[in-house]
Amino acid sequence: MKISGRNKLEATVKEVIKGAVMAKVVMDYKGVELVAAITVDSAEDLDLAPGDKVTALVKATEMMVLK
């Protein structure tokens, strides 16, 4: 599959927390915790579980810095 996003991070799923509609997917990327919010339907379609190897695709239109 080809995709336009270039920020691809190979990560490992640590935890999947499902709510009524949304799921929080916690991943480990080289010791850094990444968190994604996806629909429960997507989490179930992907059959996500701790230990799964995944690719986190990061695409943002803006970034903020707070100090």
PDB file of N, CA and C in Angstrom:
ATOM      1  N   MET A   1       0.845  -1.171   0.000  1.00  0.00           N
ATOM      2  CA  MET A   1       0.000   0.000   0.000  1.00  0.00           C
ATOM      3  C   MET A   1       0.890   1.234   0.000  1.00  0.00           C
ATOM      4  N   LYS A   2       0.580   2.204  -0.831  1.00  0.00           N
ATOM      5  CA  LYS A   2       1.299   3.474  -0.849  1.00  0.00           C
ATOM      6  C   LYS A   2       0.459   4.517  -0.122  1.00  0.00           C
ATOM      7  N   ILE A   3       1.163   5.444   0.535  1.00  0.00           N
ATOM      8  CA  ILE A   3       0.476   6.502   1.274  1.00  0.00           C
ATOM      9  C   ILE A   3       1.324   7.760   1.205  1.00  0.00           C
ATOM     10  N   SER A   4       0.677   8.918   1.215  1.00  0.00           N
ATOM     11  CA  SER A   4       1.414  10.174   1.054  1.00  0.00           C
ATOM     12  C   SER A   4       2.154  10.606   2.315  1.00  0.00           C
ATOM     13  N   GLY A   5       1.707  10.173   3.485  1.00  0.00           N
ATOM     14  CA  GLY A   5       2.356  10.560   4.731  1.00  0.00           C
ATOM     15  C   GLY A   5       3.772  10.019   4.802  1.00  0.00           C
ATOM     16  N   ARG A   6       4.704  10.846   5.264  1.00  0.00           N
ATOM     17  CA  ARG A   6       6.108  10.446   5.309  1.00  0.00           C
ATOM     18  C   ARG A   6       6.616  10.163   6.720  1.00  0.00           C
ATOM     19  N   ASN A   7       5.876  10.560   7.730  1.00  0.00           N
ATOM     20  CA  ASN A   7       6.313  10.359   9.107  1.00  0.00           C
ATOM     21  C   ASN A   7       5.778   9.031   9.623  1.00  0.00           C
ATOM     22  N   LYS A   8       6.455   7.945   9.240  1.00  0.00           N
ATOM     23  CA  LYS A   8       6.033   6.594   9.598  1.00  0.00           C
ATOM     24  C   LYS A   8       6.932   6.089  10.714  1.00  0.00           C
ATOM     25  N   LEU A   9       6.341   5.712  11.832  1.00  0.00           N
ATOM     26  CA  LEU A   9       7.091   5.246  12.985  1.00  0.00           C
ATOM     27  C   LEU A   9       6.708   3.807  13.293  1.00  0.00           C
ATOM     28  N   GLU A  10       7.665   2.903  13.217  1.00  0.00           N
ATOM     29  CA  GLU A  10       7.422   1.496  13.540  1.00  0.00           C
ATOM     30  C   GLU A  10       7.338   1.390  15.060  1.00  0.00           C
ATOM     31  N   ALA A  11       6.216   0.943  15.577  1.00  0.00           N
ATOM     32  CA  ALA A  11       5.969   0.928  17.018  1.00  0.00           C
ATOM     33  C   ALA A  11       5.352  -0.402  17.443  1.00  0.00           C
ATOM     34  N   THR A  12       5.239  -0.566  18.754  1.00  0.00           N
ATOM     35  CA  THR A  12       4.616  -1.752  19.339  1.00  0.00           C
ATOM     36  C   THR A  12       3.446  -1.313  20.207  1.00  0.00           C
ATOM     37  N   VAL A  13       2.305  -1.948  20.032  1.00  0.00           N
ATOM     38  CA  VAL A  13       1.130  -1.615  20.834  1.00  0.00           C
ATOM     39  C   VAL A  13       1.381  -2.047  22.282  1.00  0.00           C
ATOM     40  N   LYS A  14       1.164  -1.109  23.216  1.00  0.00           N
ATOM     41  CA  LYS A  14       1.281  -1.410  24.645  1.00  0.00           C
ATOM     42  C   LYS A  14      -0.081  -1.684  25.257  1.00  0.00           C
ATOM     43  N   GLU A  15      -1.087  -0.917  24.805  1.00  0.00           N
ATOM     44  CA  GLU A  15      -2.421  -1.004  25.423  1.00  0.00           C
ATOM     45  C   GLU A  15      -3.458  -0.454  24.463  1.00  0.00           C
ATOM     46  N   VAL A  16      -4.648  -1.042  24.496  1.00  0.00           N
ATOM     47  CA  VAL A  16      -5.796  -0.542  23.742  1.00  0.00           C
ATOM     48  C   VAL A  16      -6.933  -0.367  24.738  1.00  0.00           C
ATOM     49  N   ILE A  17      -7.397   0.873  24.882  1.00  0.00           N
ATOM     50  CA  ILE A  17      -8.471   1.176  25.826  1.00  0.00           C
ATOM     51  C   ILE A  17      -9.694   1.585  25.016  1.00  0.00           C
ATOM     52  N   LYS A  18     -10.720   0.744  25.034  1.00  0.00           N
ATOM     53  CA  LYS A  18     -11.909   1.003  24.229  1.00  0.00           C
ATOM     54  C   LYS A  18     -12.980   1.695  25.052  1.00  0.00           C
ATOM     55  N   GLY A  19     -13.534   2.750  24.472  1.00  0.00           N
ATOM     56  CA  GLY A  19     -14.674   3.429  25.054  1.00  0.00           C
ATOM     57  C   GLY A  19     -15.914   3.052  24.265  1.00  0.00           C
ATOM     58  N   ALA A  20     -16.951   3.866  24.376  1.00  0.00           N
ATOM     59  CA  ALA A  20     -18.188   3.593  23.653  1.00  0.00           C
ATOM     60  C   ALA A  20     -18.009   3.781  22.147  1.00  0.00           C
ATOM     61  N   VAL A  21     -17.265   4.804  21.762  1.00  0.00           N
ATOM     62  CA  VAL A  21     -17.098   5.131  20.348  1.00  0.00           C
ATOM     63  C   VAL A  21     -15.630   5.177  19.947  1.00  0.00           C
ATOM     64  N   MET A  22     -14.782   5.708  20.824  1.00  0.00           N
ATOM     65  CA  MET A  22     -13.371   5.887  20.515  1.00  0.00           C
ATOM     66  C   MET A  22     -12.505   4.920  21.319  1.00  0.00           C
ATOM     67  N   ALA A  23     -11.333   4.641  20.777  1.00  0.00           N
ATOM     68  CA  ALA A  23     -10.353   3.798  21.460  1.00  0.00           C
ATOM     69  C   ALA A  23      -9.041   4.562  21.544  1.00  0.00           C
ATOM     70  N   LYS A  24      -8.354   4.404  22.670  1.00  0.00           N
ATOM     71  CA  LYS A  24      -7.035   4.999  22.843  1.00  0.00           C
ATOM     72  C   LYS A  24      -6.021   3.881  22.640  1.00  0.00           C
ATOM     73  N   VAL A  25      -5.107   4.093  21.698  1.00  0.00           N
ATOM     74  CA  VAL A  25      -4.078   3.104  21.399  1.00  0.00           C
ATOM     75  C   VAL A  25      -2.749   3.671  21.887  1.00  0.00           C
ATOM     76  N   VAL A  26      -2.171   2.997  22.875  1.00  0.00           N
ATOM     77  CA  VAL A  26      -0.893   3.420  23.431  1.00  0.00           C
ATOM     78  C   VAL A  26       0.179   2.542  22.799  1.00  0.00           C
ATOM     79  N   MET A  27       1.214   3.207  22.235  1.00  0.00           N
ATOM     80  CA  MET A  27       2.274   2.487  21.529  1.00  0.00           C
ATOM     81  C   MET A  27       3.637   2.893  22.072  1.00  0.00           C
ATOM     82  N   ASP A  28       4.607   2.019  21.875  1.00  0.00           N
ATOM     83  CA  ASP A  28       5.992   2.314  22.234  1.00  0.00           C
ATOM     84  C   ASP A  28       6.799   2.472  20.959  1.00  0.00           C
ATOM     85  N   TYR A  29       7.489   3.599  20.845  1.00  0.00           N
ATOM     86  CA  TYR A  29       8.379   3.845  19.718  1.00  0.00           C
ATOM     87  C   TYR A  29       9.756   4.185  20.289  1.00  0.00           C
ATOM     88  N   LYS A  30      10.639   3.218  20.303  1.00  0.00           N
ATOM     89  CA  LYS A  30      12.011   3.410  20.787  1.00  0.00           C
ATOM     90  C   LYS A  30      12.038   4.026  22.174  1.00  0.00           C
ATOM     91  N   GLY A  31      11.169   3.546  23.053  1.00  0.00           N
ATOM     92  CA  GLY A  31      11.125   4.045  24.417  1.00  0.00           C
ATOM     93  C   GLY A  31      10.275   5.277  24.619  1.00  0.00           C
ATOM     94  N   VAL A  32       9.694   5.799  23.555  1.00  0.00           N
ATOM     95  CA  VAL A  32       8.813   6.970  23.630  1.00  0.00           C
ATOM     96  C   VAL A  32       7.374   6.499  23.486  1.00  0.00           C
ATOM     97  N   GLU A  33       6.514   6.961  24.376  1.00  0.00           N
ATOM     98  CA  GLU A  33       5.107   6.569  24.322  1.00  0.00           C
ATOM     99  C   GLU A  33       4.351   7.436  23.329  1.00  0.00           C
ATOM    100  N   LEU A  34       3.678   6.795  22.404  1.00  0.00           N
ATOM    101  CA  LEU A  34       2.811   7.466  21.438  1.00  0.00           C
ATOM    102  C   LEU A  34       1.380   7.068  21.760  1.00  0.00           C
ATOM    103  N   VAL A  35       0.447   8.007  21.619  1.00  0.00           N
ATOM    104  CA  VAL A  35      -0.963   7.717  21.881  1.00  0.00           C
ATOM    105  C   VAL A  35      -1.786   8.203  20.694  1.00  0.00           C
ATOM    106  N   ALA A  36      -2.648   7.340  20.200  1.00  0.00           N
ATOM    107  CA  ALA A  36      -3.540   7.695  19.103  1.00  0.00           C
ATOM    108  C   ALA A  36      -4.984   7.456  19.534  1.00  0.00           C
ATOM    109  N   ALA A  37      -5.866   8.323  19.099  1.00  0.00           N
ATOM    110  CA  ALA A  37      -7.302   8.147  19.310  1.00  0.00           C
ATOM    111  C   ALA A  37      -7.911   7.734  17.975  1.00  0.00           C
ATOM    112  N   ILE A  38      -8.491   6.533  17.947  1.00  0.00           N
ATOM    113  CA  ILE A  38      -9.134   6.023  16.736  1.00  0.00           C
ATOM    114  C   ILE A  38     -10.507   5.494  17.125  1.00  0.00           C
ATOM    115  N   THR A  39     -11.332   5.230  16.147  1.00  0.00           N
ATOM    116  CA  THR A  39     -12.652   4.693  16.467  1.00  0.00           C
ATOM    117  C   THR A  39     -12.526   3.252  16.959  1.00  0.00           C
ATOM    118  N   VAL A  40     -13.479   2.836  17.766  1.00  0.00           N
ATOM    119  CA  VAL A  40     -13.516   1.449  18.229  1.00  0.00           C
ATOM    120  C   VAL A  40     -13.643   0.514  17.037  1.00  0.00           C
ATOM    121  N   ASP A  41     -14.451   0.904  16.052  1.00  0.00           N
ATOM    122  CA  ASP A  41     -14.593   0.078  14.845  1.00  0.00           C
ATOM    123  C   ASP A  41     -13.244  -0.155  14.176  1.00  0.00           C
ATOM    124  N   SER A  42     -12.424   0.891  14.076  1.00  0.00           N
ATOM    125  CA  SER A  42     -11.099   0.744  13.463  1.00  0.00           C
ATOM    126  C   SER A  42     -10.201  -0.155  14.294  1.00  0.00           C
ATOM    127  N   ALA A  43     -10.230   0.018  15.614  1.00  0.00           N
ATOM    128  CA  ALA A  43      -9.414  -0.828  16.490  1.00  0.00           C
ATOM    129  C   ALA A  43      -9.816  -2.292  16.346  1.00  0.00           C
ATOM    130  N   GLU A  44     -11.105  -2.544  16.238  1.00  0.00           N
ATOM    131  CA  GLU A  44     -11.578  -3.916  16.074  1.00  0.00           C
ATOM    132  C   GLU A  44     -11.260  -4.460  14.679  1.00  0.00           C
ATOM    133  N   ASP A  45     -11.409  -3.615  13.651  1.00  0.00           N
ATOM    134  CA  ASP A  45     -11.065  -4.045  12.290  1.00  0.00           C
ATOM    135  C   ASP A  45      -9.589  -4.423  12.189  1.00  0.00           C
ATOM    136  N   LEU A  46      -8.728  -3.657  12.880  1.00  0.00           N
ATOM    137  CA  LEU A  46      -7.295  -3.940  12.872  1.00  0.00           C
ATOM    138  C   LEU A  46      -6.924  -5.054  13.846  1.00  0.00           C
ATOM    139  N   ASP A  47      -7.882  -5.435  14.695  1.00  0.00           N
ATOM    140  CA  ASP A  47      -7.666  -6.480  15.700  1.00  0.00           C
ATOM    141  C   ASP A  47      -6.426  -6.165  16.542  1.00  0.00           C
ATOM    142  N   LEU A  48      -6.355  -4.909  17.019  1.00  0.00           N
ATOM    143  CA  LEU A  48      -5.196  -4.448  17.776  1.00  0.00           C
ATOM    144  C   LEU A  48      -5.134  -5.089  19.157  1.00  0.00           C
ATOM    145  N   ALA A  49      -3.916  -5.482  19.536  1.00  0.00           N
ATOM    146  CA  ALA A  49      -3.704  -6.090  20.849  1.00  0.00           C
ATOM    147  C   ALA A  49      -2.284  -5.767  21.300  1.00  0.00           C
ATOM    148  N   PRO A  50      -2.037  -5.738  22.610  1.00  0.00           N
ATOM    149  CA  PRO A  50      -0.689  -5.492  23.105  1.00  0.00           C
ATOM    150  C   PRO A  50       0.319  -6.462  22.473  1.00  0.00           C
ATOM    151  N   GLY A  51       1.464  -5.908  22.114  1.00  0.00           N
ATOM    152  CA  GLY A  51       2.519  -6.690  21.482  1.00  0.00           C
ATOM    153  C   GLY A  51       2.517  -6.637  19.971  1.00  0.00           C
ATOM    154  N   ASP A  52       1.399  -6.166  19.385  1.00  0.00           N
ATOM    155  CA  ASP A  52       1.331  -6.061  17.930  1.00  0.00           C
ATOM    156  C   ASP A  52       2.329  -5.032  17.416  1.00  0.00           C
ATOM    157  N   LYS A  53       2.983  -5.363  16.305  1.00  0.00           N
ATOM    158  CA  LYS A  53       3.857  -4.419  15.613  1.00  0.00           C
ATOM    159  C   LYS A  53       2.980  -3.623  14.652  1.00  0.00           C
ATOM    160  N   VAL A  54       3.049  -2.294  14.751  1.00  0.00           N
ATOM    161  CA  VAL A  54       2.221  -1.414  13.925  1.00  0.00           C
ATOM    162  C   VAL A  54       3.077  -0.284  13.362  1.00  0.00           C
ATOM    163  N   THR A  55       2.518   0.449  12.443  1.00  0.00           N
ATOM    164  CA  THR A  55       3.148   1.666  11.946  1.00  0.00           C
ATOM    165  C   THR A  55       2.269   2.826  12.353  1.00  0.00           C
ATOM    166  N   ALA A  56       2.854   3.754  13.100  1.00  0.00           N
ATOM    167  CA  ALA A  56       2.141   4.975  13.476  1.00  0.00           C
ATOM    168  C   ALA A  56       2.440   6.005  12.397  1.00  0.00           C
ATOM    169  N   LEU A  57       1.401   6.515  11.776  1.00  0.00           N
ATOM    170  CA  LEU A  57       1.549   7.511  10.727  1.00  0.00           C
ATOM    171  C   LEU A  57       1.170   8.859  11.313  1.00  0.00           C
ATOM    172  N   VAL A  58       2.119   9.780  11.329  1.00  0.00           N
ATOM    173  CA  VAL A  58       1.904  11.091  11.946  1.00  0.00           C
ATOM    174  C   VAL A  58       1.783  12.119  10.842  1.00  0.00           C
ATOM    175  N   LYS A  59       0.642  12.809  10.831  1.00  0.00           N
ATOM    176  CA  LYS A  59       0.432  13.864   9.846  1.00  0.00           C
ATOM    177  C   LYS A  59      -0.319  14.982  10.558  1.00  0.00           C
ATOM    178  N   ALA A  60       0.287  16.141  10.614  1.00  0.00           N
ATOM    179  CA  ALA A  60      -0.320  17.255  11.321  1.00  0.00           C
ATOM    180  C   ALA A  60      -0.226  18.517  10.479  1.00  0.00           C
ATOM    181  N   THR A  61      -1.204  19.370  10.613  1.00  0.00           N
ATOM    182  CA  THR A  61      -1.179  20.622   9.879  1.00  0.00           C
ATOM    183  C   THR A  61      -0.570  21.745  10.702  1.00  0.00           C
ATOM    184  N   GLU A  62      -0.380  21.507  11.990  1.00  0.00           N
ATOM    185  CA  GLU A  62       0.276  22.502  12.825  1.00  0.00           C
ATOM    186  C   GLU A  62       0.904  21.844  14.037  1.00  0.00           C
ATOM    187  N   MET A  63       1.869  22.523  14.610  1.00  0.00           N
ATOM    188  CA  MET A  63       2.534  22.058  15.809  1.00  0.00           C
ATOM    189  C   MET A  63       2.629  23.240  16.761  1.00  0.00           C
ATOM    190  N   MET A  64       2.414  22.981  18.050  1.00  0.00           N
ATOM    191  CA  MET A  64       2.529  24.026  19.046  1.00  0.00           C
ATOM    192  C   MET A  64       3.633  23.690  20.025  1.00  0.00           C
ATOM    193  N   VAL A  65       4.267  24.718  20.560  1.00  0.00           N
ATOM    194  CA  VAL A  65       5.306  24.534  21.573  1.00  0.00           C
ATOM    195  C   VAL A  65       4.916  25.365  22.781  1.00  0.00           C
ATOM    196  N   LEU A  66       4.989  24.765  23.957  1.00  0.00           N
ATOM    197  CA  LEU A  66       4.643  25.436  25.197  1.00  0.00           C
ATOM    198  C   LEU A  66       5.834  25.332  26.122  1.00  0.00           C
ATOM    199  N   LYS A  67       6.180  26.432  26.743  1.00  0.00           N
ATOM    200  CA  LYS A  67       7.293  26.408  27.697  1.00  0.00           C
ATOM    201  C   LYS A  67       6.876  27.052  28.984  1.00  0.00           C
TER     202      LYS A  67
END
